[in-house]
PDB file of N, CA and C in Angstrom:
ATOM      1  N   MET A   1      38.921-182.289  48.070  1.00  0.00           N
ATOM      2  CA  MET A   1      39.886-181.185  47.990  1.00  0.00           C
ATOM      3  C   MET A   1      38.892-179.794  48.022  1.00  0.00           C
ATOM      4  N   ASN A   2      39.561-179.076  48.602  1.00  0.00           N
ATOM      5  CA  ASN A   2      38.948-177.759  48.830  1.00  0.00           C
ATOM      6  C   ASN A   2      39.088-176.771  47.495  1.00  0.00           C
ATOM      7  N   ARG A   3      38.225-176.327  47.152  1.00  0.00           N
ATOM      8  CA  ARG A   3      38.299-174.999  45.736  1.00  0.00           C
ATOM      9  C   ARG A   3      39.530-173.834  46.235  1.00  0.00           C
ATOM     10  N   ILE A   4      40.419-173.533  45.639  1.00  0.00           N
ATOM     11  CA  ILE A   4      41.022-172.411  45.764  1.00  0.00           C
ATOM     12  C   ILE A   4      40.449-171.313  45.339  1.00  0.00           C
ATOM     13  N   THR A   5      40.359-170.097  46.030  1.00  0.00           N
ATOM     14  CA  THR A   5      39.908-168.793  45.786  1.00  0.00           C
ATOM     15  C   THR A   5      40.721-167.841  45.568  1.00  0.00           C
ATOM     16  N   ASP A   6      40.523-166.491  45.139  1.00  0.00           N
ATOM     17  CA  ASP A   6      41.411-165.698  44.751  1.00  0.00           C
ATOM     18  C   ASP A   6      41.697-165.182  46.199  1.00  0.00           C
ATOM     19  N   LYS A   7      40.806-165.087  47.035  1.00  0.00           N
ATOM     20  CA  LYS A   7      41.085-164.608  48.483  1.00  0.00           C
ATOM     21  C   LYS A   7      42.094-165.530  49.211  1.00  0.00           C
ATOM     22  N   ASP A   8      42.243-166.859  48.583  1.00  0.00           N
ATOM     23  CA  ASP A   8      43.112-167.766  49.468  1.00  0.00           C
ATOM     24  C   ASP A   8      44.603-167.453  48.977  1.00  0.00           C
ATOM     25  N   LEU A   9      44.524-167.167  47.362  1.00  0.00           N
ATOM     26  CA  LEU A   9      45.833-166.821  46.740  1.00  0.00           C
ATOM     27  C   LEU A   9      46.494-165.508  47.430  1.00  0.00           C
ATOM     28  N   GLN A  10      45.561-164.316  47.665  1.00  0.00           N
ATOM     29  CA  GLN A  10      46.009-163.105  48.073  1.00  0.00           C
ATOM     30  C   GLN A  10      46.375-163.062  49.363  1.00  0.00           C
ATOM     31  N   ALA A  11      45.904-164.068  50.213  1.00  0.00           N
ATOM     32  CA  ALA A  11      46.275-164.179  51.566  1.00  0.00           C
ATOM     33  C   ALA A  11      47.794-164.726  51.600  1.00  0.00           C
ATOM     34  N   ALA A  12      48.020-165.617  50.734  1.00  0.00           N
ATOM     35  CA  ALA A  12      49.205-166.167  50.853  1.00  0.00           C
ATOM     36  C   ALA A  12      50.282-165.298  49.996  1.00  0.00           C
ATOM     37  N   VAL A  13      50.146-164.465  49.165  1.00  0.00           N
ATOM     38  CA  VAL A  13      50.797-163.450  48.578  1.00  0.00           C
ATOM     39  C   VAL A  13      51.085-162.439  49.505  1.00  0.00           C
ATOM     40  N   ASP A  14      50.181-161.920  50.337  1.00  0.00           N
ATOM     41  CA  ASP A  14      50.215-160.981  51.532  1.00  0.00           C
ATOM     42  C   ASP A  14      51.082-161.325  52.572  1.00  0.00           C
ATOM     43  N   ARG A  15      51.086-162.825  52.756  1.00  0.00           N
ATOM     44  CA  ARG A  15      52.046-163.267  53.824  1.00  0.00           C
ATOM     45  C   ARG A  15      53.454-163.337  53.297  1.00  0.00           C
ATOM     46  N   ILE A  16      53.924-163.430  52.122  1.00  0.00           N
ATOM     47  CA  ILE A  16      55.185-163.284  51.579  1.00  0.00           C
ATOM     48  C   ILE A  16      55.643-161.797  51.701  1.00  0.00           C
ATOM     49  N   ASN A  17      54.765-160.870  51.086  1.00  0.00           N
ATOM     50  CA  ASN A  17      55.053-159.437  51.523  1.00  0.00           C
ATOM     51  C   ASN A  17      55.546-159.151  53.145  1.00  0.00           C
ATOM     52  N   ARG A  18      54.610-159.612  54.013  1.00  0.00           N
ATOM     53  CA  ARG A  18      54.990-159.339  55.480  1.00  0.00           C
ATOM     54  C   ARG A  18      56.202-160.100  55.783  1.00  0.00           C
ATOM     55  N   MET A  19      56.393-161.394  55.173  1.00  0.00           N
ATOM     56  CA  MET A  19      57.545-161.946  55.593  1.00  0.00           C
ATOM     57  C   MET A  19      58.894-161.403  55.310  1.00  0.00           C
ATOM     58  N   LEU A  20      58.815-160.809  54.097  1.00  0.00           N
ATOM     59  CA  LEU A  20      60.054-160.086  53.534  1.00  0.00           C
ATOM     60  C   LEU A  20      60.184-158.633  53.686  1.00  0.00           C
ATOM     61  N   GLY A  21      59.083-158.140  54.224  1.00  0.00           N
ATOM     62  CA  GLY A  21      58.977-156.523  54.778  1.00  0.00           C
ATOM     63  C   GLY A  21      58.967-155.756  53.099  1.00  0.00           C
ATOM     64  N   MET A  22      58.095-156.185  52.386  1.00  0.00           N
ATOM     65  CA  MET A  22      57.746-155.469  51.040  1.00  0.00           C
ATOM     66  C   MET A  22      56.466-154.866  50.928  1.00  0.00           C
ATOM     67  N   PRO A  23      56.475-153.831  50.272  1.00  0.00           N
ATOM     68  CA  PRO A  23      54.826-153.025  50.199  1.00  0.00           C
ATOM     69  C   PRO A  23      53.895-154.077  49.866  1.00  0.00           C
ATOM     70  N   MET A  24      52.829-153.583  50.994  1.00  0.00           N
ATOM     71  CA  MET A  24      51.534-154.570  50.495  1.00  0.00           C
ATOM     72  C   MET A  24      50.844-154.375  49.349  1.00  0.00           C
ATOM     73  N   LYS A  25      51.094-153.137  48.571  1.00  0.00           N
ATOM     74  CA  LYS A  25      50.412-152.855  47.427  1.00  0.00           C
ATOM     75  C   LYS A  25      51.257-152.707  46.269  1.00  0.00           C
ATOM     76  N   PRO A  26      50.989-152.834  45.162  1.00  0.00           N
ATOM     77  CA  PRO A  26      51.808-152.989  43.742  1.00  0.00           C
ATOM     78  C   PRO A  26      51.860-151.393  43.366  1.00  0.00           C
ATOM     79  N   TYR A  27      50.827-150.586  43.759  1.00  0.00           N
ATOM     80  CA  TYR A  27      51.028-149.312  43.584  1.00  0.00           C
ATOM     81  C   TYR A  27      50.406-148.355  44.412  1.00  0.00           C
ATOM     82  N   GLU A  28      50.977-147.099  44.922  1.00  0.00           N
ATOM     83  CA  GLU A  28      50.576-146.042  45.994  1.00  0.00           C
ATOM     84  C   GLU A  28      50.316-144.904  45.113  1.00  0.00           C
ATOM     85  N   LYS A  29      49.297-144.184  45.518  1.00  0.00           N
ATOM     86  CA  LYS A  29      49.220-143.114  45.177  1.00  0.00           C
ATOM     87  C   LYS A  29      49.761-141.938  45.927  1.00  0.00           C
ATOM     88  N   ASP A  30      50.427-140.988  45.185  1.00  0.00           N
ATOM     89  CA  ASP A  30      50.962-139.826  45.760  1.00  0.00           C
ATOM     90  C   ASP A  30      49.953-138.617  46.268  1.00  0.00           C
ATOM     91  N   ALA A  31      50.147-137.596  46.687  1.00  0.00           N
ATOM     92  CA  ALA A  31      49.591-136.161  47.036  1.00  0.00           C
ATOM     93  C   ALA A  31      48.885-135.716  45.682  1.00  0.00           C
ATOM     94  N   GLU A  32      49.766-136.011  44.802  1.00  0.00           N
ATOM     95  CA  GLU A  32      49.256-135.295  43.588  1.00  0.00           C
ATOM     96  C   GLU A  32      48.218-136.238  42.470  1.00  0.00           C
ATOM     97  N   GLY A  33      47.739-137.398  43.065  1.00  0.00           N
ATOM     98  CA  GLY A  33      47.028-138.429  42.491  1.00  0.00           C
ATOM     99  C   GLY A  33      47.772-139.009  41.574  1.00  0.00           C
ATOM    100  N   ARG A  34      48.867-139.183  41.310  1.00  0.00           N
ATOM    101  CA  ARG A  34      49.842-140.014  40.611  1.00  0.00           C
ATOM    102  C   ARG A  34      49.897-141.211  41.309  1.00  0.00           C
ATOM    103  N   TYR A  35      50.071-142.533  40.346  1.00  0.00           N
ATOM    104  CA  TYR A  35      50.323-143.795  40.918  1.00  0.00           C
ATOM    105  C   TYR A  35      51.861-144.072  40.824  1.00  0.00           C
ATOM    106  N   HIS A  36      52.385-144.755  41.683  1.00  0.00           N
ATOM    107  CA  HIS A  36      54.104-144.854  41.774  1.00  0.00           C
ATOM    108  C   HIS A  36      54.254-146.742  42.164  1.00  0.00           C
ATOM    109  N   ALA A  37      54.997-147.173  41.058  1.00  0.00           N
ATOM    110  CA  ALA A  37      55.243-148.964  41.539  1.00  0.00           C
ATOM    111  C   ALA A  37      55.798-148.870  42.691  1.00  0.00           C
ATOM    112  N   GLN A  38      55.619-149.693  43.640  1.00  0.00           N
ATOM    113  CA  GLN A  38      56.218-150.199  44.710  1.00  0.00           C
ATOM    114  C   GLN A  38      57.221-151.195  44.458  1.00  0.00           C
ATOM    115  N   ILE A  39      58.369-151.066  44.368  1.00  0.00           N
ATOM    116  CA  ILE A  39      59.466-151.959  43.951  1.00  0.00           C
ATOM    117  C   ILE A  39      59.466-153.103  45.142  1.00  0.00           C
ATOM    118  N   GLY A  40      59.786-154.300  44.705  1.00  0.00           N
ATOM    119  CA  GLY A  40      59.524-155.429  45.804  1.00  0.00           C
ATOM    120  C   GLY A  40      58.203-156.108  45.975  1.00  0.00           C
ATOM    121  N   ASN A  41      57.193-155.549  45.783  1.00  0.00           N
ATOM    122  CA  ASN A  41      55.789-155.934  46.018  1.00  0.00           C
ATOM    123  C   ASN A  41      55.675-157.066  45.165  1.00  0.00           C
ATOM    124  N   PHE A  42      55.156-158.154  45.719  1.00  0.00           N
ATOM    125  CA  PHE A  42      54.626-159.421  45.158  1.00  0.00           C
ATOM    126  C   PHE A  42      52.963-159.282  45.087  1.00  0.00           C
ATOM    127  N   HIS A  43      52.543-159.633  44.052  1.00  0.00           N
ATOM    128  CA  HIS A  43      50.959-159.407  43.702  1.00  0.00           C
ATOM    129  C   HIS A  43      50.583-160.239  42.635  1.00  0.00           C
ATOM    130  N   LEU A  44      49.074-160.627  42.496  1.00  0.00           N
ATOM    131  CA  LEU A  44      48.844-161.633  41.689  1.00  0.00           C
ATOM    132  C   LEU A  44      48.414-160.791  40.204  1.00  0.00           C
ATOM    133  N   SER A  45      48.806-161.660  39.422  1.00  0.00           N
ATOM    134  CA  SER A  45      48.281-161.429  37.827  1.00  0.00           C
ATOM    135  C   SER A  45      47.254-162.503  37.430  1.00  0.00           C
ATOM    136  N   HIS A  46      46.113-162.019  37.024  1.00  0.00           N
ATOM    137  CA  HIS A  46      45.123-162.969  36.396  1.00  0.00           C
ATOM    138  C   HIS A  46      45.248-162.552  34.781  1.00  0.00           C
ATOM    139  N   GLN A  47      45.295-163.719  34.099  1.00  0.00           N
ATOM    140  CA  GLN A  47      45.314-163.623  32.831  1.00  0.00           C
ATOM    141  C   GLN A  47      44.981-165.073  32.023  1.00  0.00           C
ATOM    142  N   TYR A  48      44.411-165.268  30.793  1.00  0.00           N
ATOM    143  CA  TYR A  48      44.280-166.540  30.324  1.00  0.00           C
ATOM    144  C   TYR A  48      43.440-167.471  30.910  1.00  0.00           C
ATOM    145  N   GLY A  49      42.948-167.421  31.880  1.00  0.00           N
ATOM    146  CA  GLY A  49      42.075-168.270  32.878  1.00  0.00           C
ATOM    147  C   GLY A  49      43.019-168.530  33.848  1.00  0.00           C
ATOM    148  N   GLY A  50      44.315-168.194  34.155  1.00  0.00           N
ATOM    149  CA  GLY A  50      45.144-168.555  35.205  1.00  0.00           C
ATOM    150  C   GLY A  50      45.529-167.481  36.105  1.00  0.00           C
ATOM    151  N   VAL A  51      46.493-167.833  36.704  1.00  0.00           N
ATOM    152  CA  VAL A  51      47.202-167.058  37.976  1.00  0.00           C
ATOM    153  C   VAL A  51      48.545-166.942  37.727  1.00  0.00           C
ATOM    154  N   CYS A  52      49.255-165.935  37.954  1.00  0.00           N
ATOM    155  CA  CYS A  52      50.892-165.780  37.982  1.00  0.00           C
ATOM    156  C   CYS A  52      51.115-164.925  39.202  1.00  0.00           C
ATOM    157  N   VAL A  53      52.074-165.052  40.155  1.00  0.00           N
ATOM    158  CA  VAL A  53      52.730-164.189  40.892  1.00  0.00           C
ATOM    159  C   VAL A  53      53.694-163.307  40.354  1.00  0.00           C
ATOM    160  N   HIS A  54      53.531-161.895  40.484  1.00  0.00           N
ATOM    161  CA  HIS A  54      54.566-160.905  39.608  1.00  0.00           C
ATOM    162  C   HIS A  54      55.077-160.221  41.185  1.00  0.00           C
ATOM    163  N   ARG A  55      56.317-159.905  40.738  1.00  0.00           N
ATOM    164  CA  ARG A  55      57.142-159.215  41.564  1.00  0.00           C
ATOM    165  C   ARG A  55      57.505-157.675  41.033  1.00  0.00           C
ATOM    166  N   MET A  56      57.196-156.741  41.549  1.00  0.00           N
ATOM    167  CA  MET A  56      57.343-155.444  41.060  1.00  0.00           C
ATOM    168  C   MET A  56      59.147-155.093  40.865  1.00  0.00           C
ATOM    169  N   SER A  57      59.470-154.979  39.771  1.00  0.00           N
ATOM    170  CA  SER A  57      60.839-154.783  39.583  1.00  0.00           C
ATOM    171  C   SER A  57      61.511-153.469  39.556  1.00  0.00           C
ATOM    172  N   ASN A  58      60.689-152.640  38.784  1.00  0.00           N
ATOM    173  CA  ASN A  58      61.213-151.368  38.782  1.00  0.00           C
ATOM    174  C   ASN A  58      59.992-150.186  38.788  1.00  0.00           C
ATOM    175  N   GLU A  59      60.620-148.949  39.040  1.00  0.00           N
ATOM    176  CA  GLU A  59      59.727-147.670  39.048  1.00  0.00           C
ATOM    177  C   GLU A  59      58.852-147.585  38.062  1.00  0.00           C
ATOM    178  N   ASP A  60      58.954-148.110  36.725  1.00  0.00           N
ATOM    179  CA  ASP A  60      58.199-147.983  35.768  1.00  0.00           C
ATOM    180  C   ASP A  60      57.134-149.133  35.772  1.00  0.00           C
ATOM    181  N   GLY A  61      56.988-149.978  36.582  1.00  0.00           N
ATOM    182  CA  GLY A  61      55.975-151.014  36.577  1.00  0.00           C
ATOM    183  C   GLY A  61      56.426-152.309  35.987  1.00  0.00           C
ATOM    184  N   GLY A  62      57.713-152.451  35.969  1.00  0.00           N
ATOM    185  CA  GLY A  62      58.206-153.648  35.424  1.00  0.00           C
ATOM    186  C   GLY A  62      58.084-154.915  36.091  1.00  0.00           C
ATOM    187  N   VAL A  63      57.955-156.016  35.786  1.00  0.00           N
ATOM    188  CA  VAL A  63      57.723-157.319  36.876  1.00  0.00           C
ATOM    189  C   VAL A  63      58.586-158.366  36.537  1.00  0.00           C
ATOM    190  N   SER A  64      58.791-159.420  37.379  1.00  0.00           N
ATOM    191  CA  SER A  64      59.457-160.434  37.402  1.00  0.00           C
ATOM    192  C   SER A  64      58.441-161.652  37.680  1.00  0.00           C
ATOM    193  N   THR A  65      58.903-162.715  37.357  1.00  0.00           N
ATOM    194  CA  THR A  65      57.802-163.805  37.776  1.00  0.00           C
ATOM    195  C   THR A  65      58.962-164.930  38.562  1.00  0.00           C
ATOM    196  N   PRO A  66      59.134-164.510  40.010  1.00  0.00           N
ATOM    197  CA  PRO A  66      60.186-165.714  40.711  1.00  0.00           C
ATOM    198  C   PRO A  66      59.361-166.747  41.337  1.00  0.00           C
ATOM    199  N   ILE A  67      58.258-166.997  40.992  1.00  0.00           N
ATOM    200  CA  ILE A  67      57.721-168.151  41.731  1.00  0.00           C
ATOM    201  C   ILE A  67      57.249-169.240  40.519  1.00  0.00           C
ATOM    202  N   MET A  68      56.500-168.731  39.525  1.00  0.00           N
ATOM    203  CA  MET A  68      56.184-169.630  38.605  1.00  0.00           C
ATOM    204  C   MET A  68      56.490-169.116  37.203  1.00  0.00           C
ATOM    205  N   TYR A  69      56.707-169.762  36.121  1.00  0.00           N
ATOM    206  CA  TYR A  69      56.946-169.499  34.951  1.00  0.00           C
ATOM    207  C   TYR A  69      55.740-169.014  34.130  1.00  0.00           C
ATOM    208  N   ALA A  70      54.564-168.760  34.357  1.00  0.00           N
ATOM    209  CA  ALA A  70      53.417-168.376  33.713  1.00  0.00           C
ATOM    210  C   ALA A  70      52.315-168.438  34.309  1.00  0.00           C
ATOM    211  N   HIS A  71      51.034-167.935  33.753  1.00  0.00           N
ATOM    212  CA  HIS A  71      49.621-168.019  34.338  1.00  0.00           C
ATOM    213  C   HIS A  71      49.313-169.519  34.437  1.00  0.00           C
ATOM    214  N   VAL A  72      48.857-170.009  35.432  1.00  0.00           N
ATOM    215  CA  VAL A  72      48.863-171.502  35.583  1.00  0.00           C
ATOM    216  C   VAL A  72      47.460-171.560  36.337  1.00  0.00           C
ATOM    217  N   PRO A  73      46.758-172.604  36.605  1.00  0.00           N
ATOM    218  CA  PRO A  73      45.543-172.841  37.074  1.00  0.00           C
ATOM    219  C   PRO A  73      45.638-172.428  38.967  1.00  0.00           C
ATOM    220  N   LYS A  74      44.812-172.074  39.546  1.00  0.00           N
ATOM    221  CA  LYS A  74      44.665-171.528  40.910  1.00  0.00           C
ATOM    222  C   LYS A  74      45.402-172.616  41.900  1.00  0.00           C
ATOM    223  N   ARG A  75      45.040-173.692  41.762  1.00  0.00           N
ATOM    224  CA  ARG A  75      45.444-174.912  42.688  1.00  0.00           C
ATOM    225  C   ARG A  75      47.164-174.967  42.470  1.00  0.00           C
ATOM    226  N   GLU A  76      47.522-174.883  41.279  1.00  0.00           N
ATOM    227  CA  GLU A  76      49.043-174.989  40.905  1.00  0.00           C
ATOM    228  C   GLU A  76      49.476-173.909  41.428  1.00  0.00           C
ATOM    229  N   ALA A  77      49.111-172.693  41.210  1.00  0.00           N
ATOM    230  CA  ALA A  77      49.794-171.091  42.008  1.00  0.00           C
ATOM    231  C   ALA A  77      49.700-171.463  43.198  1.00  0.00           C
ATOM    232  N   TYR A  78      48.540-171.763  43.872  1.00  0.00           N
ATOM    233  CA  TYR A  78      48.437-171.994  45.525  1.00  0.00           C
ATOM    234  C   TYR A  78      49.647-172.993  45.861  1.00  0.00           C
ATOM    235  N   GLU A  79      49.835-173.902  45.314  1.00  0.00           N
ATOM    236  CA  GLU A  79      50.955-175.039  45.778  1.00  0.00           C
ATOM    237  C   GLU A  79      52.447-174.274  45.559  1.00  0.00           C
ATOM    238  N   ALA A  80      52.498-173.562  44.428  1.00  0.00           N
ATOM    239  CA  ALA A  80      53.871-172.951  44.441  1.00  0.00           C
ATOM    240  C   ALA A  80      54.388-172.112  45.123  1.00  0.00           C
ATOM    241  N   ILE A  81      53.086-170.911  45.661  1.00  0.00           N
ATOM    242  CA  ILE A  81      53.294-170.129  46.461  1.00  0.00           C
ATOM    243  C   ILE A  81      53.763-170.651  47.767  1.00  0.00           C
ATOM    244  N   HIS A  82      52.905-171.694  48.448  1.00  0.00           N
ATOM    245  CA  HIS A  82      53.246-172.300  49.583  1.00  0.00           C
ATOM    246  C   HIS A  82      54.444-172.986  49.671  1.00  0.00           C
ATOM    247  N   ALA A  83      54.940-173.636  48.585  1.00  0.00           N
ATOM    248  CA  ALA A  83      56.437-173.977  48.524  1.00  0.00           C
ATOM    249  C   ALA A  83      57.254-172.926  48.643  1.00  0.00           C
ATOM    250  N   PHE A  84      56.978-171.791  47.990  1.00  0.00           N
ATOM    251  CA  PHE A  84      57.979-170.524  48.075  1.00  0.00           C
ATOM    252  C   PHE A  84      58.016-170.229  49.666  1.00  0.00           C
ATOM    253  N   ILE A  85      56.670-170.005  50.276  1.00  0.00           N
ATOM    254  CA  ILE A  85      56.918-169.812  51.876  1.00  0.00           C
ATOM    255  C   ILE A  85      57.605-170.689  52.595  1.00  0.00           C
ATOM    256  N   ARG A  86      57.523-171.988  52.251  1.00  0.00           N
ATOM    257  CA  ARG A  86      58.150-172.899  53.202  1.00  0.00           C
ATOM    258  C   ARG A  86      59.732-172.533  52.920  1.00  0.00           C
ATOM    259  N   GLY A  87      60.265-172.562  51.634  1.00  0.00           N
ATOM    260  CA  GLY A  87      61.418-172.002  51.460  1.00  0.00           C
ATOM    261  C   GLY A  87      61.783-170.836  52.320  1.00  0.00           C
ATOM    262  N   LEU A  88      61.198-169.973  52.325  1.00  0.00           N
ATOM    263  CA  LEU A  88      61.409-168.623  53.074  1.00  0.00           C
ATOM    264  C   LEU A  88      61.653-168.972  54.593  1.00  0.00           C
ATOM    265  N   GLU A  89      60.832-169.686  54.912  1.00  0.00           N
ATOM    266  CA  GLU A  89      60.730-170.264  56.433  1.00  0.00           C
ATOM    267  C   GLU A  89      61.820-170.969  56.931  1.00  0.00           C
ATOM    268  N   PHE A  90      62.369-171.633  55.976  1.00  0.00           N
ATOM    269  CA  PHE A  90      63.419-172.694  56.273  1.00  0.00           C
ATOM    270  C   PHE A  90      64.869-171.739  56.138  1.00  0.00           C
ATOM    271  N   SER A  91      64.610-170.978  55.111  1.00  0.00           N
ATOM    272  CA  SER A  91      65.998-170.112  55.177  1.00  0.00           C
ATOM    273  C   SER A  91      65.888-169.208  56.379  1.00  0.00           C
ATOM    274  N   ALA A  92      64.775-168.686  56.941  1.00  0.00           N
ATOM    275  CA  ALA A  92      64.797-167.962  58.197  1.00  0.00           C
ATOM    276  C   ALA A  92      65.269-168.798  59.475  1.00  0.00           C
ATOM    277  N   ASP A  93      64.886-170.149  59.354  1.00  0.00           N
ATOM    278  CA  ASP A  93      65.381-171.182  60.537  1.00  0.00           C
ATOM    279  C   ASP A  93      66.808-171.041  60.443  1.00  0.00           C
ATOM    280  N   VAL A  94      67.380-171.387  59.140  1.00  0.00           N
ATOM    281  CA  VAL A  94      68.863-171.691  59.034  1.00  0.00           C
ATOM    282  C   VAL A  94      69.768-170.485  59.384  1.00  0.00           C
ATOM    283  N   THR A  95      69.042-169.073  59.088  1.00  0.00           N
ATOM    284  CA  THR A  95      69.826-167.833  59.586  1.00  0.00           C
ATOM    285  C   THR A  95      69.462-167.687  61.026  1.00  0.00           C
ATOM    286  N   ARG A  96      68.704-168.318  61.841  1.00  0.00           N
ATOM    287  CA  ARG A  96      68.463-168.101  63.210  1.00  0.00           C
ATOM    288  C   ARG A  96      69.512-169.006  63.929  1.00  0.00           C
ATOM    289  N   ALA A  97      69.556-170.270  63.467  1.00  0.00           N
ATOM    290  CA  ALA A  97      70.497-171.300  63.758  1.00  0.00           C
ATOM    291  C   ALA A  97      72.028-170.757  63.725  1.00  0.00           C
ATOM    292  N   ARG A  98      72.184-170.074  62.703  1.00  0.00           N
ATOM    293  CA  ARG A  98      73.721-169.962  62.464  1.00  0.00           C
ATOM    294  C   ARG A  98      74.078-168.747  63.386  1.00  0.00           C
ATOM    295  N   GLU A  99      72.938-167.755  63.712  1.00  0.00           N
ATOM    296  CA  GLU A  99      73.321-166.528  64.825  1.00  0.00           C
ATOM    297  C   GLU A  99      73.357-167.329  66.055  1.00  0.00           C
ATOM    298  N   VAL A 100      72.859-168.073  66.306  1.00  0.00           N
ATOM    299  CA  VAL A 100      72.732-168.720  67.703  1.00  0.00           C
ATOM    300  C   VAL A 100      74.126-169.615  67.989  1.00  0.00           C
ATOM    301  N   ALA A 101      74.567-170.162  66.968  1.00  0.00           N
ATOM    302  CA  ALA A 101      75.570-170.893  66.894  1.00  0.00           C
ATOM    303  C   ALA A 101      77.054-170.138  67.098  1.00  0.00           C
ATOM    304  N   ALA A 102      76.763-168.862  66.395  1.00  0.00           N
ATOM    305  CA  ALA A 102      77.829-167.912  66.294  1.00  0.00           C
ATOM    306  C   ALA A 102      78.626-167.225  67.578  1.00  0.00           C
TER     307      ALA A 102
END
């Protein structure tokens, strides 16, 4: 069993952002040097020795946790993220099939 790294997790979260057309970074700096939350961005949170996927919910930096319920070990996070990706791919396949059938 291969070790799951932060790089593996980040690549998977980046994939989700690309699939959904979401911003790639949780915060962007404006011309005046102030940071602004990028609503819709999926990003990693590290806390309590675990990892969680957060989604930026509002302009004040509030987040939701749509993939997992809490900070979990990296392997558990990796499996949950990839299950989410498979769900997105399945949904896209169903949408394409409906468009072809219409």
